Amino acid sequence: MQLTDIKIRKIFREGPMRAVVSVTFENEFAVHDIKVIYANDKYFIVMPSRKNADGTYRDIAHPINAAFRAKMEEAVLQEFRKALAEAEAESLEEASTSGSAGS
């Protein structure tokens, strides 16, 4: 199964949750609210889940095997890093533009 689209919906600068992502498979099936988490000095993804009555969480959708999970995580994190770099470049550009506007 091919990941045909990955959209970084929102990036967070602080806290362990760093992004919310949507992934499309084979241009036919989408999974929303995948989270990019930063903890223990590494990034990983967490699948969308629902809270049970007993306070535990259960994934709504998830990869069935470790190989596909690794493939999906690698693709999502690659897009996340690209989006993060673009956002940082835009911030630097805005900072330099606003700094020169007052001169």
PDB file of N, CA and C in Angstrom:
ATOM      1  N   MET A   1       0.851  -1.174   0.000  1.00  0.00           N
ATOM      2  CA  MET A   1       0.000   0.000   0.000  1.00  0.00           C
ATOM      3  C   MET A   1       0.897   1.237   0.000  1.00  0.00           C
ATOM      4  N   GLN A   2       0.600   2.169  -0.880  1.00  0.00           N
ATOM      5  CA  GLN A   2       1.417   3.369  -1.012  1.00  0.00           C
ATOM      6  C   GLN A   2       0.783   4.562  -0.301  1.00  0.00           C
ATOM      7  N   LEU A   3       1.608   5.349   0.348  1.00  0.00           N
ATOM      8  CA  LEU A   3       1.167   6.621   0.911  1.00  0.00           C
ATOM      9  C   LEU A   3       1.242   7.619  -0.230  1.00  0.00           C
ATOM     10  N   THR A   4       0.114   8.150  -0.627  1.00  0.00           N
ATOM     11  CA  THR A   4       0.096   9.030  -1.794  1.00  0.00           C
ATOM     12  C   THR A   4       0.031  10.507  -1.438  1.00  0.00           C
ATOM     13  N   ASP A   5      -0.270  10.819  -0.173  1.00  0.00           N
ATOM     14  CA  ASP A   5      -0.281  12.221   0.240  1.00  0.00           C
ATOM     15  C   ASP A   5      -0.105  12.299   1.747  1.00  0.00           C
ATOM     16  N   ILE A   6       0.714  13.242   2.164  1.00  0.00           N
ATOM     17  CA  ILE A   6       0.902  13.512   3.591  1.00  0.00           C
ATOM     18  C   ILE A   6       0.774  15.015   3.763  1.00  0.00           C
ATOM     19  N   LYS A   7      -0.184  15.422   4.597  1.00  0.00           N
ATOM     20  CA  LYS A   7      -0.392  16.842   4.860  1.00  0.00           C
ATOM     21  C   LYS A   7      -0.115  17.130   6.328  1.00  0.00           C
ATOM     22  N   ILE A   8       0.795  18.062   6.554  1.00  0.00           N
ATOM     23  CA  ILE A   8       1.080  18.520   7.903  1.00  0.00           C
ATOM     24  C   ILE A   8       0.038  19.604   8.185  1.00  0.00           C
ATOM     25  N   ARG A   9      -0.926  19.300   9.022  1.00  0.00           N
ATOM     26  CA  ARG A   9      -2.053  20.206   9.277  1.00  0.00           C
ATOM     27  C   ARG A   9      -1.690  21.352  10.212  1.00  0.00           C
ATOM     28  N   LYS A  10      -0.913  21.056  11.234  1.00  0.00           N
ATOM     29  CA  LYS A  10      -0.550  22.082  12.207  1.00  0.00           C
ATOM     30  C   LYS A  10       0.771  21.699  12.847  1.00  0.00           C
ATOM     31  N   ILE A  11       1.614  22.698  13.074  1.00  0.00           N
ATOM     32  CA  ILE A  11       2.901  22.500  13.742  1.00  0.00           C
ATOM     33  C   ILE A  11       2.850  23.234  15.078  1.00  0.00           C
ATOM     34  N   PHE A  12       3.345  22.589  16.121  1.00  0.00           N
ATOM     35  CA  PHE A  12       3.413  23.180  17.447  1.00  0.00           C
ATOM     36  C   PHE A  12       4.879  23.363  17.815  1.00  0.00           C
ATOM     37  N   ARG A  13       5.220  24.505  18.368  1.00  0.00           N
ATOM     38  CA  ARG A  13       6.613  24.819  18.711  1.00  0.00           C
ATOM     39  C   ARG A  13       6.999  24.295  20.092  1.00  0.00           C
ATOM     40  N   GLU A  14       6.010  24.110  20.971  1.00  0.00           N
ATOM     41  CA  GLU A  14       6.311  23.708  22.346  1.00  0.00           C
ATOM     42  C   GLU A  14       5.490  22.486  22.727  1.00  0.00           C
ATOM     43  N   GLY A  15       5.964  21.802  23.750  1.00  0.00           N
ATOM     44  CA  GLY A  15       5.269  20.618  24.239  1.00  0.00           C
ATOM     45  C   GLY A  15       5.671  19.381  23.456  1.00  0.00           C
ATOM     46  N   PRO A  16       5.246  18.222  23.929  1.00  0.00           N
ATOM     47  CA  PRO A  16       5.649  16.988  23.247  1.00  0.00           C
ATOM     48  C   PRO A  16       4.962  16.786  21.897  1.00  0.00           C
ATOM     49  N   MET A  17       3.720  17.255  21.740  1.00  0.00           N
ATOM     50  CA  MET A  17       3.059  17.102  20.437  1.00  0.00           C
ATOM     51  C   MET A  17       3.561  18.207  19.518  1.00  0.00           C
ATOM     52  N   ARG A  18       4.186  17.811  18.401  1.00  0.00           N
ATOM     53  CA  ARG A  18       4.806  18.782  17.505  1.00  0.00           C
ATOM     54  C   ARG A  18       4.030  19.016  16.224  1.00  0.00           C
ATOM     55  N   ALA A  19       3.136  18.079  15.853  1.00  0.00           N
ATOM     56  CA  ALA A  19       2.360  18.284  14.628  1.00  0.00           C
ATOM     57  C   ALA A  19       1.146  17.363  14.619  1.00  0.00           C
ATOM     58  N   VAL A  20       0.156  17.789  13.811  1.00  0.00           N
ATOM     59  CA  VAL A  20      -1.000  16.956  13.507  1.00  0.00           C
ATOM     60  C   VAL A  20      -0.983  16.744  11.998  1.00  0.00           C
ATOM     61  N   VAL A  21      -1.152  15.493  11.586  1.00  0.00           N
ATOM     62  CA  VAL A  21      -0.915  15.094  10.201  1.00  0.00           C
ATOM     63  C   VAL A  21      -2.103  14.296   9.661  1.00  0.00           C
ATOM     64  N   SER A  22      -2.351  14.431   8.357  1.00  0.00           N
ATOM     65  CA  SER A  22      -3.296  13.567   7.647  1.00  0.00           C
ATOM     66  C   SER A  22      -2.523  12.801   6.579  1.00  0.00           C
ATOM     67  N   VAL A  23      -2.849  11.528   6.426  1.00  0.00           N
ATOM     68  CA  VAL A  23      -2.167  10.668   5.452  1.00  0.00           C
ATOM     69  C   VAL A  23      -3.214  10.042   4.538  1.00  0.00           C
ATOM     70  N   THR A  24      -2.928  10.046   3.231  1.00  0.00           N
ATOM     71  CA  THR A  24      -3.810   9.404   2.256  1.00  0.00           C
ATOM     72  C   THR A  24      -3.082   8.198   1.669  1.00  0.00           C
ATOM     73  N   PHE A  25      -3.821   7.105   1.548  1.00  0.00           N
ATOM     74  CA  PHE A  25      -3.295   5.861   0.996  1.00  0.00           C
ATOM     75  C   PHE A  25      -3.942   5.594  -0.355  1.00  0.00           C
ATOM     76  N   GLU A  26      -3.091   5.318  -1.350  1.00  0.00           N
ATOM     77  CA  GLU A  26      -3.559   4.921  -2.686  1.00  0.00           C
ATOM     78  C   GLU A  26      -4.573   5.902  -3.284  1.00  0.00           C
ATOM     79  N   ASN A  27      -4.529   7.167  -2.879  1.00  0.00           N
ATOM     80  CA  ASN A  27      -5.495   8.182  -3.341  1.00  0.00           C
ATOM     81  C   ASN A  27      -6.936   7.776  -3.071  1.00  0.00           C
ATOM     82  N   GLU A  28      -7.146   6.890  -2.088  1.00  0.00           N
ATOM     83  CA  GLU A  28      -8.495   6.377  -1.845  1.00  0.00           C
ATOM     84  C   GLU A  28      -8.920   6.359  -0.386  1.00  0.00           C
ATOM     85  N   PHE A  29      -7.989   6.414   0.559  1.00  0.00           N
ATOM     86  CA  PHE A  29      -8.356   6.287   1.963  1.00  0.00           C
ATOM     87  C   PHE A  29      -7.485   7.233   2.780  1.00  0.00           C
ATOM     88  N   ALA A  30      -8.111   8.030   3.658  1.00  0.00           N
ATOM     89  CA  ALA A  30      -7.364   9.002   4.459  1.00  0.00           C
ATOM     90  C   ALA A  30      -7.502   8.701   5.942  1.00  0.00           C
ATOM     91  N   VAL A  31      -6.433   8.968   6.660  1.00  0.00           N
ATOM     92  CA  VAL A  31      -6.435   8.889   8.117  1.00  0.00           C
ATOM     93  C   VAL A  31      -6.000  10.261   8.630  1.00  0.00           C
ATOM     94  N   HIS A  32      -6.837  10.862   9.475  1.00  0.00           N
ATOM     95  CA  HIS A  32      -6.562  12.191  10.023  1.00  0.00           C
ATOM     96  C   HIS A  32      -6.138  12.076  11.486  1.00  0.00           C
ATOM     97  N   ASP A  33      -5.570  13.148  11.981  1.00  0.00           N
ATOM     98  CA  ASP A  33      -5.200  13.286  13.394  1.00  0.00           C
ATOM     99  C   ASP A  33      -4.098  12.342  13.850  1.00  0.00           C
ATOM    100  N   ILE A  34      -3.178  12.027  12.959  1.00  0.00           N
ATOM    101  CA  ILE A  34      -1.947  11.342  13.362  1.00  0.00           C
ATOM    102  C   ILE A  34      -1.076  12.411  14.005  1.00  0.00           C
ATOM    103  N   LYS A  35      -0.485  12.102  15.133  1.00  0.00           N
ATOM    104  CA  LYS A  35       0.304  13.095  15.853  1.00  0.00           C
ATOM    105  C   LYS A  35       1.793  12.785  15.752  1.00  0.00           C
ATOM    106  N   VAL A  36       2.583  13.838  15.577  1.00  0.00           N
ATOM    107  CA  VAL A  36       4.038  13.727  15.662  1.00  0.00           C
ATOM    108  C   VAL A  36       4.404  14.153  17.075  1.00  0.00           C
ATOM    109  N   ILE A  37       5.077  13.259  17.787  1.00  0.00           N
ATOM    110  CA  ILE A  37       5.444  13.485  19.184  1.00  0.00           C
ATOM    111  C   ILE A  37       6.963  13.539  19.295  1.00  0.00           C
ATOM    112  N   TYR A  38       7.459  14.439  20.166  1.00  0.00           N
ATOM    113  CA  TYR A  38       8.880  14.495  20.474  1.00  0.00           C
ATOM    114  C   TYR A  38       9.049  14.166  21.951  1.00  0.00           C
ATOM    115  N   ALA A  39       9.680  13.054  22.226  1.00  0.00           N
ATOM    116  CA  ALA A  39       9.933  12.640  23.611  1.00  0.00           C
ATOM    117  C   ALA A  39      11.188  11.783  23.651  1.00  0.00           C
ATOM    118  N   ASN A  40      11.889  11.826  24.756  1.00  0.00           N
ATOM    119  CA  ASN A  40      13.121  11.047  24.928  1.00  0.00           C
ATOM    120  C   ASN A  40      14.107  11.285  23.785  1.00  0.00           C
ATOM    121  N   ASP A  41      14.202  12.549  23.350  1.00  0.00           N
ATOM    122  CA  ASP A  41      15.146  12.979  22.318  1.00  0.00           C
ATOM    123  C   ASP A  41      14.908  12.348  20.953  1.00  0.00           C
ATOM    124  N   LYS A  42      13.657  11.968  20.652  1.00  0.00           N
ATOM    125  CA  LYS A  42      13.372  11.461  19.314  1.00  0.00           C
ATOM    126  C   LYS A  42      11.931  11.769  18.928  1.00  0.00           C
ATOM    127  N   TYR A  43      11.692  11.763  17.627  1.00  0.00           N
ATOM    128  CA  TYR A  43      10.356  11.954  17.078  1.00  0.00           C
ATOM    129  C   TYR A  43       9.744  10.597  16.748  1.00  0.00           C
ATOM    130  N   PHE A  44       8.434  10.490  16.934  1.00  0.00           N
ATOM    131  CA  PHE A  44       7.692   9.308  16.512  1.00  0.00           C
ATOM    132  C   PHE A  44       6.248   9.711  16.266  1.00  0.00           C
ATOM    133  N   ILE A  45       5.479   8.822  15.649  1.00  0.00           N
ATOM    134  CA  ILE A  45       4.077   9.136  15.380  1.00  0.00           C
ATOM    135  C   ILE A  45       3.173   8.344  16.314  1.00  0.00           C
ATOM    136  N   VAL A  46       2.012   8.930  16.573  1.00  0.00           N
ATOM    137  CA  VAL A  46       0.975   8.288  17.379  1.00  0.00           C
ATOM    138  C   VAL A  46      -0.304   8.324  16.546  1.00  0.00           C
ATOM    139  N   MET A  47      -0.922   7.189  16.439  1.00  0.00           N
ATOM    140  CA  MET A  47      -2.127   7.077  15.619  1.00  0.00           C
ATOM    141  C   MET A  47      -3.320   7.708  16.332  1.00  0.00           C
ATOM    142  N   PRO A  48      -4.359   8.089  15.573  1.00  0.00           N
ATOM    143  CA  PRO A  48      -5.556   8.663  16.202  1.00  0.00           C
ATOM    144  C   PRO A  48      -6.190   7.643  17.148  1.00  0.00           C
ATOM    145  N   SER A  49      -6.693   8.139  18.270  1.00  0.00           N
ATOM    146  CA  SER A  49      -7.261   7.224  19.261  1.00  0.00           C
ATOM    147  C   SER A  49      -8.475   7.846  19.922  1.00  0.00           C
ATOM    148  N   ARG A  50      -9.164   7.013  20.676  1.00  0.00           N
ATOM    149  CA  ARG A  50     -10.344   7.455  21.401  1.00  0.00           C
ATOM    150  C   ARG A  50     -10.172   7.013  22.849  1.00  0.00           C
ATOM    151  N   LYS A  51     -10.664   7.849  23.764  1.00  0.00           N
ATOM    152  CA  LYS A  51     -10.563   7.525  25.182  1.00  0.00           C
ATOM    153  C   LYS A  51     -11.723   6.617  25.579  1.00  0.00           C
ATOM    154  N   ASN A  52     -11.395   5.515  26.226  1.00  0.00           N
ATOM    155  CA  ASN A  52     -12.405   4.577  26.712  1.00  0.00           C
ATOM    156  C   ASN A  52     -12.969   5.050  28.049  1.00  0.00           C
ATOM    157  N   ALA A  53     -14.079   4.483  28.462  1.00  0.00           N
ATOM    158  CA  ALA A  53     -14.724   4.842  29.726  1.00  0.00           C
ATOM    159  C   ALA A  53     -13.800   4.632  30.926  1.00  0.00           C
ATOM    160  N   ASP A  54     -12.886   3.667  30.821  1.00  0.00           N
ATOM    161  CA  ASP A  54     -11.976   3.389  31.943  1.00  0.00           C
ATOM    162  C   ASP A  54     -10.730   4.271  31.940  1.00  0.00           C
ATOM    163  N   GLY A  55     -10.667   5.231  31.015  1.00  0.00           N
ATOM    164  CA  GLY A  55      -9.546   6.169  30.972  1.00  0.00           C
ATOM    165  C   GLY A  55      -8.398   5.742  30.086  1.00  0.00           C
ATOM    166  N   THR A  56      -8.430   4.540  29.551  1.00  0.00           N
ATOM    167  CA  THR A  56      -7.398   4.090  28.627  1.00  0.00           C
ATOM    168  C   THR A  56      -7.729   4.582  27.224  1.00  0.00           C
ATOM    169  N   TYR A  57      -6.755   4.495  26.339  1.00  0.00           N
ATOM    170  CA  TYR A  57      -6.954   4.922  24.954  1.00  0.00           C
ATOM    171  C   TYR A  57      -6.860   3.726  24.025  1.00  0.00           C
ATOM    172  N   ARG A  58      -7.614   3.790  22.939  1.00  0.00           N
ATOM    173  CA  ARG A  58      -7.586   2.726  21.941  1.00  0.00           C
ATOM    174  C   ARG A  58      -7.441   3.367  20.563  1.00  0.00           C
ATOM    175  N   ASP A  59      -6.472   2.868  19.779  1.00  0.00           N
ATOM    176  CA  ASP A  59      -6.276   3.396  18.425  1.00  0.00           C
ATOM    177  C   ASP A  59      -7.524   3.182  17.591  1.00  0.00           C
ATOM    178  N   ILE A  60      -7.868   4.193  16.803  1.00  0.00           N
ATOM    179  CA  ILE A  60      -8.992   4.094  15.871  1.00  0.00           C
ATOM    180  C   ILE A  60      -8.532   3.409  14.587  1.00  0.00           C
ATOM    181  N   ALA A  61      -7.332   3.743  14.163  1.00  0.00           N
ATOM    182  CA  ALA A  61      -6.719   3.132  12.977  1.00  0.00           C
ATOM    183  C   ALA A  61      -5.236   2.966  13.287  1.00  0.00           C
ATOM    184  N   HIS A  62      -4.637   1.899  12.757  1.00  0.00           N
ATOM    185  CA  HIS A  62      -3.219   1.686  13.028  1.00  0.00           C
ATOM    186  C   HIS A  62      -2.635   0.684  12.039  1.00  0.00           C
ATOM    187  N   PRO A  63      -1.304   0.770  11.812  1.00  0.00           N
ATOM    188  CA  PRO A  63      -0.634  -0.228  10.969  1.00  0.00           C
ATOM    189  C   PRO A  63      -0.714  -1.604  11.624  1.00  0.00           C
ATOM    190  N   ILE A  64      -0.806  -2.632  10.803  1.00  0.00           N
ATOM    191  CA  ILE A  64      -0.920  -3.993  11.306  1.00  0.00           C
ATOM    192  C   ILE A  64       0.437  -4.601  11.637  1.00  0.00           C
ATOM    193  N   ASN A  65       1.489  -4.188  10.925  1.00  0.00           N
ATOM    194  CA  ASN A  65       2.802  -4.787  11.194  1.00  0.00           C
ATOM    195  C   ASN A  65       3.881  -3.715  11.346  1.00  0.00           C
ATOM    196  N   ALA A  66       4.965  -4.117  11.953  1.00  0.00           N
ATOM    197  CA  ALA A  66       6.060  -3.184  12.251  1.00  0.00           C
ATOM    198  C   ALA A  66       6.708  -2.615  10.997  1.00  0.00           C
ATOM    199  N   ALA A  67       6.795  -3.399   9.944  1.00  0.00           N
ATOM    200  CA  ALA A  67       7.436  -2.921   8.709  1.00  0.00           C
ATOM    201  C   ALA A  67       6.641  -1.763   8.099  1.00  0.00           C
ATOM    202  N   PHE A  68       5.323  -1.904   8.039  1.00  0.00           N
ATOM    203  CA  PHE A  68       4.524  -0.814   7.470  1.00  0.00           C
ATOM    204  C   PHE A  68       4.515   0.389   8.403  1.00  0.00           C
ATOM    205  N   ARG A  69       4.494   0.152   9.715  1.00  0.00           N
ATOM    206  CA  ARG A  69       4.529   1.268  10.656  1.00  0.00           C
ATOM    207  C   ARG A  69       5.824   2.062  10.467  1.00  0.00           C
ATOM    208  N   ALA A  70       6.946   1.369  10.311  1.00  0.00           N
ATOM    209  CA  ALA A  70       8.235   2.042  10.109  1.00  0.00           C
ATOM    210  C   ALA A  70       8.224   2.841   8.811  1.00  0.00           C
ATOM    211  N   LYS A  71       7.674   2.258   7.760  1.00  0.00           N
ATOM    212  CA  LYS A  71       7.582   2.943   6.465  1.00  0.00           C
ATOM    213  C   LYS A  71       6.738   4.211   6.591  1.00  0.00           C
ATOM    214  N   MET A  72       5.605   4.084   7.260  1.00  0.00           N
ATOM    215  CA  MET A  72       4.705   5.219   7.439  1.00  0.00           C
ATOM    216  C   MET A  72       5.347   6.292   8.317  1.00  0.00           C
ATOM    217  N   GLU A  73       5.959   5.882   9.408  1.00  0.00           N
ATOM    218  CA  GLU A  73       6.601   6.832  10.307  1.00  0.00           C
ATOM    219  C   GLU A  73       7.720   7.584   9.597  1.00  0.00           C
ATOM    220  N   GLU A  74       8.518   6.881   8.831  1.00  0.00           N
ATOM    221  CA  GLU A  74       9.612   7.516   8.085  1.00  0.00           C
ATOM    222  C   GLU A  74       9.077   8.563   7.106  1.00  0.00           C
ATOM    223  N   ALA A  75       8.018   8.224   6.379  1.00  0.00           N
ATOM    224  CA  ALA A  75       7.439   9.154   5.403  1.00  0.00           C
ATOM    225  C   ALA A  75       6.829  10.375   6.089  1.00  0.00           C
ATOM    226  N   VAL A  76       6.100  10.159   7.170  1.00  0.00           N
ATOM    227  CA  VAL A  76       5.468  11.270   7.903  1.00  0.00           C
ATOM    228  C   VAL A  76       6.539  12.185   8.494  1.00  0.00           C
ATOM    229  N   LEU A  77       7.556  11.614   9.120  1.00  0.00           N
ATOM    230  CA  LEU A  77       8.601  12.431   9.730  1.00  0.00           C
ATOM    231  C   LEU A  77       9.412  13.192   8.689  1.00  0.00           C
ATOM    232  N   GLN A  78       9.600  12.607   7.519  1.00  0.00           N
ATOM    233  CA  GLN A  78      10.295  13.313   6.436  1.00  0.00           C
ATOM    234  C   GLN A  78       9.494  14.560   6.023  1.00  0.00           C
ATOM    235  N   GLU A  79       8.186  14.412   5.858  1.00  0.00           N
ATOM    236  CA  GLU A  79       7.337  15.560   5.502  1.00  0.00           C
ATOM    237  C   GLU A  79       7.286  16.574   6.637  1.00  0.00           C
ATOM    238  N   PHE A  80       7.255  16.102   7.869  1.00  0.00           N
ATOM    239  CA  PHE A  80       7.248  16.995   9.025  1.00  0.00           C
ATOM    240  C   PHE A  80       8.517  17.835   9.050  1.00  0.00           C
ATOM    241  N   ARG A  81       9.660  17.204   8.859  1.00  0.00           N
ATOM    242  CA  ARG A  81      10.934  17.949   8.878  1.00  0.00           C
ATOM    243  C   ARG A  81      10.983  18.984   7.754  1.00  0.00           C
ATOM    244  N   LYS A  82      10.446  18.610   6.587  1.00  0.00           N
ATOM    245  CA  LYS A  82      10.412  19.553   5.472  1.00  0.00           C
ATOM    246  C   LYS A  82       9.501  20.747   5.804  1.00  0.00           C
ATOM    247  N   ALA A  83       8.329  20.485   6.349  1.00  0.00           N
ATOM    248  CA  ALA A  83       7.395  21.555   6.719  1.00  0.00           C
ATOM    249  C   ALA A  83       7.980  22.433   7.823  1.00  0.00           C
ATOM    250  N   LEU A  84       8.677  21.825   8.768  1.00  0.00           N
ATOM    251  CA  LEU A  84       9.301  22.575   9.852  1.00  0.00           C
ATOM    252  C   LEU A  84      10.387  23.498   9.307  1.00  0.00           C
ATOM    253  N   ALA A  85      11.199  22.992   8.397  1.00  0.00           N
ATOM    254  CA  ALA A  85      12.246  23.814   7.784  1.00  0.00           C
ATOM    255  C   ALA A  85      11.639  24.979   7.001  1.00  0.00           C
ATOM    256  N   GLU A  86      10.551  24.726   6.270  1.00  0.00           N
ATOM    257  CA  GLU A  86       9.877  25.793   5.519  1.00  0.00           C
ATOM    258  C   GLU A  86       9.299  26.847   6.465  1.00  0.00           C
ATOM    259  N   ALA A  87       8.699  26.403   7.569  1.00  0.00           N
ATOM    260  CA  ALA A  87       8.130  27.335   8.542  1.00  0.00           C
ATOM    261  C   ALA A  87       9.223  28.187   9.184  1.00  0.00           C
ATOM    262  N   GLU A  88      10.362  27.577   9.482  1.00  0.00           N
ATOM    263  CA  GLU A  88      11.476  28.328  10.067  1.00  0.00           C
ATOM    264  C   GLU A  88      12.033  29.336   9.070  1.00  0.00           C
ATOM    265  N   ALA A  89      12.125  28.957   7.794  1.00  0.00           N
ATOM    266  CA  ALA A  89      12.605  29.875   6.764  1.00  0.00           C
ATOM    267  C   ALA A  89      11.649  31.059   6.620  1.00  0.00           C
ATOM    268  N   GLU A  90      10.345  30.793   6.670  1.00  0.00           N
ATOM    269  CA  GLU A  90       9.355  31.871   6.588  1.00  0.00           C
ATOM    270  C   GLU A  90       9.476  32.806   7.785  1.00  0.00           C
ATOM    271  N   SER A  91       9.695  32.258   8.974  1.00  0.00           N
ATOM    272  CA  SER A  91       9.851  33.082  10.173  1.00  0.00           C
ATOM    273  C   SER A  91      11.068  33.980  10.062  1.00  0.00           C
ATOM    274  N   LEU A  92      12.174  33.416   9.559  1.00  0.00           N
ATOM    275  CA  LEU A  92      13.393  34.224   9.385  1.00  0.00           C
ATOM    276  C   LEU A  92      13.169  35.324   8.349  1.00  0.00           C
ATOM    277  N   GLU A  93      12.463  34.969   7.280  1.00  0.00           N
ATOM    278  CA  GLU A  93      12.182  35.966   6.237  1.00  0.00           C
ATOM    279  C   GLU A  93      11.295  37.093   6.778  1.00  0.00           C
ATOM    280  N   GLU A  94      10.272  36.730   7.546  1.00  0.00           N
ATOM    281  CA  GLU A  94       9.396  37.744   8.137  1.00  0.00           C
ATOM    282  C   GLU A  94      10.157  38.620   9.113  1.00  0.00           C
ATOM    283  N   ALA A  95      11.043  38.030   9.901  1.00  0.00           N
ATOM    284  CA  ALA A  95      11.837  38.779  10.857  1.00  0.00           C
ATOM    285  C   ALA A  95      12.758  39.761  10.158  1.00  0.00           C
ATOM    286  N   SER A  96      13.386  39.331   9.064  1.00  0.00           N
ATOM    287  CA  SER A  96      14.305  40.221   8.354  1.00  0.00           C
ATOM    288  C   SER A  96      13.534  41.318   7.625  1.00  0.00           C
ATOM    289  N   THR A  97      12.335  40.998   7.127  1.00  0.00           N
ATOM    290  CA  THR A  97      11.515  42.002   6.446  1.00  0.00           C
ATOM    291  C   THR A  97      11.006  43.040   7.439  1.00  0.00           C
ATOM    292  N   SER A  98      10.522  42.617   8.588  1.00  0.00           N
ATOM    293  CA  SER A  98      10.006  43.560   9.571  1.00  0.00           C
ATOM    294  C   SER A  98      11.136  44.378  10.189  1.00  0.00           C
ATOM    295  N   GLY A  99      12.311  43.786  10.280  1.00  0.00           N
ATOM    296  CA  GLY A  99      13.473  44.513  10.821  1.00  0.00           C
ATOM    297  C   GLY A  99      13.961  45.589   9.876  1.00  0.00           C
ATOM    298  N   SER A 100      13.883  45.349   8.571  1.00  0.00           N
ATOM    299  CA  SER A 100      14.350  46.344   7.609  1.00  0.00           C
ATOM    300  C   SER A 100      13.286  47.387   7.311  1.00  0.00           C
ATOM    301  N   ALA A 101      12.028  47.104   7.648  1.00  0.00           N
ATOM    302  CA  ALA A 101      10.943  48.058   7.377  1.00  0.00           C
ATOM    303  C   ALA A 101      11.079  49.296   8.239  1.00  0.00           C
ATOM    304  N   GLY A 102      11.649  49.155   9.422  1.00  0.00           N
ATOM    305  CA  GLY A 102      11.800  50.299  10.324  1.00  0.00           C
ATOM    306  C   GLY A 102      13.021  51.116  10.021  1.00  0.00           C
ATOM    307  N   SER A 103      13.865  50.726   9.091  1.00  0.00           N
ATOM    308  CA  SER A 103      15.112  51.444   8.802  1.00  0.00           C
ATOM    309  C   SER A 103      14.906  52.592   7.891  1.00  0.00           C
TER     310      SER A 103
END
